Protein backbone atom coordinates (compact mmCIF):
# COMPACT_ATOMS: atom_id res chain seq x y z
CA MET A 1 -21.37 -23.35 -7.60
CA ASN A 2 -22.11 -23.53 -4.07
CA SER A 3 -20.00 -20.63 -2.19
CA ARG A 4 -19.73 -22.97 0.96
CA THR A 5 -17.35 -25.25 -0.79
CA ALA A 6 -14.93 -27.52 1.07
CA SER A 7 -12.35 -24.80 -0.36
CA SER A 8 -13.86 -21.33 0.74
CA ALA A 9 -15.44 -23.02 4.35
CA THR A 10 -14.43 -21.56 7.41
CA VAL A 11 -12.59 -23.19 10.43
CA PRO A 12 -13.29 -21.62 13.90
CA GLY A 13 -10.24 -19.79 15.21
CA ALA A 14 -8.12 -20.56 12.25
CA PRO A 15 -6.62 -17.72 9.94
CA GLN A 16 -8.36 -16.43 7.45
CA ARG A 17 -6.31 -15.75 4.03
CA PRO A 18 -6.63 -12.54 2.39
CA ARG A 19 -9.62 -12.68 -0.26
CA VAL A 20 -7.84 -11.40 -3.16
CA ARG A 21 -9.10 -12.76 -6.33
CA ARG A 22 -12.29 -10.95 -5.78
CA LEU A 23 -10.12 -7.14 -4.65
CA VAL A 24 -11.80 -4.92 -6.43
CA ILE A 25 -11.95 -0.84 -6.05
CA GLY A 26 -15.41 0.72 -6.04
CA PRO A 27 -16.92 3.46 -7.03
CA ASP A 28 -15.80 5.54 -3.78
CA GLY A 29 -12.38 4.47 -4.18
CA ARG A 30 -12.70 2.04 -1.51
CA ALA A 31 -10.88 -1.33 -1.95
CA ASN A 32 -13.75 -4.25 -1.18
CA ALA A 33 -10.95 -6.45 0.93
CA ALA A 34 -9.04 -4.17 3.24
CA ALA A 35 -9.96 -3.57 6.32
CA GLN A 36 -10.92 0.38 6.09
CA ILE A 37 -8.56 2.57 9.39
CA ALA A 38 -9.72 6.11 8.42
CA SER A 39 -6.61 8.66 8.03
CA PRO A 40 -6.69 12.41 8.45
CA ASN A 41 -4.03 13.23 6.85
CA CYS A 42 -5.34 13.70 3.23
CA ASP A 43 -7.47 16.29 1.09
CA GLU A 44 -8.56 16.62 -2.46
CA ARG A 45 -6.22 16.22 -4.93
CA PRO A 46 -6.38 19.13 -7.67
CA ASP A 47 -9.39 19.28 -10.45
CA ASP A 48 -9.21 16.70 -13.61
CA THR A 49 -6.16 14.99 -11.48
CA ALA A 50 -6.08 11.57 -13.42
CA ILE A 51 -4.88 8.71 -11.14
CA SER A 52 -1.85 7.55 -13.29
CA LEU A 53 0.99 6.13 -10.80
CA ILE A 54 1.27 3.60 -8.06
CA VAL A 55 4.28 4.55 -5.77
CA VAL A 56 5.76 1.36 -3.65
CA HIS A 57 7.03 2.19 -0.06
CA GLY A 58 8.10 0.44 2.61
CA ILE A 59 7.20 1.34 6.33
CA SER A 60 8.09 -0.96 9.93
CA LEU A 61 7.46 0.69 13.17
CA PRO A 62 9.29 0.45 14.81
CA PRO A 63 12.41 -0.04 12.29
CA ARG A 64 13.28 -3.83 11.38
CA GLU A 65 10.08 -4.95 13.19
CA PHE A 66 6.89 -6.26 12.28
CA GLY A 67 3.13 -6.85 13.86
CA GLY A 68 2.86 -4.08 15.63
CA ASP A 69 0.28 -0.64 15.62
CA GLY A 70 2.91 1.51 15.32
CA ILE A 71 1.82 2.26 11.25
CA GLU A 72 -1.98 2.57 11.77
CA GLN A 73 -1.33 5.15 14.85
CA LEU A 74 1.39 7.22 12.65
CA PHE A 75 -1.16 7.38 9.80
CA THR A 76 -3.72 8.52 12.24
CA ASN A 77 -2.24 11.39 14.19
CA ARG A 78 -2.39 8.95 17.48
CA LEU A 79 1.80 7.70 18.13
CA ASP A 80 3.00 8.28 21.38
CA PRO A 81 6.20 9.47 21.24
CA GLU A 82 7.51 7.80 24.40
CA ALA A 83 6.85 4.84 23.16
CA HIS A 84 9.85 3.79 21.26
CA PRO A 85 12.90 6.09 20.60
CA TYR A 86 12.87 6.75 17.36
CA TYR A 87 9.08 7.41 17.56
CA ALA A 88 9.60 10.84 19.62
CA THR A 89 11.17 11.77 16.13
CA ILE A 90 8.50 11.30 13.57
CA ALA A 91 5.63 11.48 16.14
CA SER A 92 4.27 14.99 14.77
CA LEU A 93 4.87 14.13 10.92
CA ARG A 94 1.31 14.50 9.19
CA VAL A 95 1.61 11.37 6.91
CA SER A 96 -0.65 8.85 5.08
CA SER A 97 -0.55 6.14 2.94
CA HIS A 98 -3.92 5.05 0.48
CA PHE A 99 -2.73 1.25 1.51
CA LEU A 100 -0.86 -0.72 3.78
CA ILE A 101 0.33 -4.24 2.97
CA ARG A 102 0.97 -6.46 5.97
CA ARG A 103 3.69 -9.53 6.48
CA ASP A 104 0.93 -11.73 5.84
CA GLY A 105 -0.97 -9.99 2.59
CA ALA A 106 -3.37 -8.37 4.81
CA LEU A 107 -4.56 -5.37 3.50
CA LEU A 108 -5.29 -2.04 5.28
CA GLN A 109 -6.87 1.13 3.67
CA PHE A 110 -6.46 4.35 4.64
CA VAL A 111 -7.42 6.79 2.73
CA PRO A 112 -9.57 6.59 -0.30
CA CYS A 113 -8.41 6.75 -4.11
CA GLY A 114 -9.84 9.68 -4.47
CA ARG A 115 -8.10 11.81 -2.57
CA ARG A 116 -4.96 12.40 -2.36
CA ALA A 117 -2.92 10.99 0.96
CA TRP A 118 0.18 12.64 1.99
CA HIS A 119 2.55 9.75 1.01
CA ALA A 120 5.02 11.23 -1.63
CA GLY A 121 6.65 14.35 0.08
CA GLU A 122 8.87 16.66 -2.40
CA SER A 123 8.86 14.40 -5.76
CA ALA A 124 8.71 13.78 -9.36
CA TRP A 125 7.98 11.29 -11.94
CA ARG A 126 8.62 11.46 -15.73
CA GLY A 127 9.57 15.32 -15.36
CA ARG A 128 5.88 15.59 -13.60
CA LEU A 129 6.15 17.23 -9.76
CA HIS A 130 3.74 16.50 -6.74
CA CYS A 131 3.49 13.08 -7.22
CA ASN A 132 1.12 12.83 -4.32
CA ASP A 133 -1.66 14.79 -6.69
CA PHE A 134 -2.17 11.60 -9.25
CA SER A 135 -0.89 8.73 -7.54
CA VAL A 136 -2.02 6.10 -4.84
CA GLY A 137 1.11 5.12 -2.05
CA VAL A 138 1.12 1.42 -0.95
CA GLU A 139 3.27 0.98 1.91
CA PRO A 140 4.18 -3.05 2.31
CA GLU A 141 5.55 -3.65 5.89
CA GLY A 142 9.09 -4.26 5.78
CA ALA A 143 12.27 -2.68 5.32
CA ASP A 144 15.24 -1.94 2.35
CA ASP A 145 17.11 -4.96 3.41
CA VAL A 146 14.67 -7.08 4.40
CA ARG A 147 12.70 -9.55 2.07
CA TYR A 148 8.95 -9.12 1.64
CA THR A 149 6.79 -12.04 1.80
CA ALA A 150 5.23 -13.92 -1.46
CA LYS A 151 2.02 -12.89 0.31
CA GLN A 152 2.83 -9.66 0.47
CA TYR A 153 4.15 -10.07 -3.73
CA ARG A 154 0.63 -11.83 -4.53
CA MET A 155 -1.75 -9.12 -2.66
CA LEU A 156 0.44 -6.00 -4.22
CA ALA A 157 0.31 -7.88 -7.94
CA THR A 158 -3.61 -8.15 -7.10
CA LEU A 159 -3.81 -4.87 -5.77
CA SER A 160 -2.40 -3.17 -8.85
CA ARG A 161 -4.73 -4.91 -11.25
CA ALA A 162 -7.55 -4.06 -9.09
CA LEU A 163 -6.56 -0.21 -9.35
CA ARG A 164 -5.52 -0.30 -13.04
CA ALA A 165 -9.33 -1.59 -13.50
CA ARG A 166 -10.65 1.19 -11.99
CA TYR A 167 -7.88 4.14 -13.05
CA PRO A 168 -5.66 4.93 -15.86
CA ILE A 169 -2.45 3.66 -13.98
CA ALA A 170 0.75 4.09 -16.07
CA ASP A 171 3.45 3.54 -14.04
CA ILE A 172 4.26 1.64 -11.00
CA ALA A 173 7.68 3.54 -9.22
CA GLY A 174 9.46 2.66 -5.89
CA HIS A 175 9.57 5.63 -3.29
CA SER A 176 13.01 5.59 -3.94
CA ASP A 177 12.32 6.18 -8.21
CA ILE A 178 10.04 9.73 -7.48
CA ALA A 179 12.63 11.17 -4.79
CA PRO A 180 16.11 9.89 -5.47
CA GLY A 181 18.64 11.19 -2.95
CA ARG A 182 15.98 11.71 -0.34
CA LYS A 183 14.17 8.41 0.29
CA THR A 184 15.28 4.55 -0.05
CA ASP A 185 12.62 2.53 0.16
CA PRO A 186 10.91 0.03 -1.15
CA GLY A 187 14.90 -0.64 -0.84
CA PRO A 188 17.02 -2.95 -2.81
CA ALA A 189 15.25 -6.07 -1.16
CA PHE A 190 11.99 -5.24 -3.11
CA ASP A 191 12.54 -7.61 -5.98
CA TRP A 192 10.75 -5.14 -8.84
CA PRO A 193 10.66 -8.82 -11.32
CA ARG A 194 8.92 -11.09 -9.54
CA LEU A 195 6.23 -8.29 -8.74
CA ARG A 196 5.85 -7.50 -12.87
CA ARG A 197 5.50 -11.59 -13.05
CA GLU A 198 3.03 -11.54 -10.26
CA ILE A 199 1.19 -8.75 -12.41
CA ALA A 200 1.58 -10.22 -15.30
CA ARG A 201 0.32 -14.16 -14.44
CA LEU A 202 -3.08 -12.70 -13.18
CA GLU A 203 -3.54 -10.11 -16.23
CA ALA A 204 -3.03 -13.83 -18.36
CA GLY A 205 -6.03 -15.23 -16.32
CA SER A 206 -4.17 -18.07 -13.84
CA GLY A 207 -4.05 -16.54 -10.62
């Protein structure tokens, strides 16, 4: 089939949808459909540690404001503490996540999956401590009480499928599940049944 069909032709100046159906995680731990922005906030995973968990977070900077560059600045240690009152409280943090999913479904990657991103903090899952060691962190842009978008669910489902194709992923959990009482994200606005339906639909071959 000609790759330049009507459905895939590029219209100058038009926003391009993420090509989520072809998303794969390469041997280097990078997603082929993600914009790569390197974060220094990562290190090596413990030897012989399999990646078995996806942790879903939720983030917006400033809080409840979407589309700015505050998240990228935070994950790359460039956040200006004077740019917003809230930034002064977090600018010294050294944190990161493997992936960020923007409100329009765009995928950004800060840390290759084979390396340990600093996203979970003090945490445990199924009796196992230090979730950063064995998890991939994914940050949909959002807030606990703001609905996430359809494009974000689709990208998260597609990314989850790609991660499961590369690694022995057994579970998907929220930050609030691995750090109860300390973290609340992705919050009550996150629709877990919808994510499960999206994943099931993709795995059934209809998406």
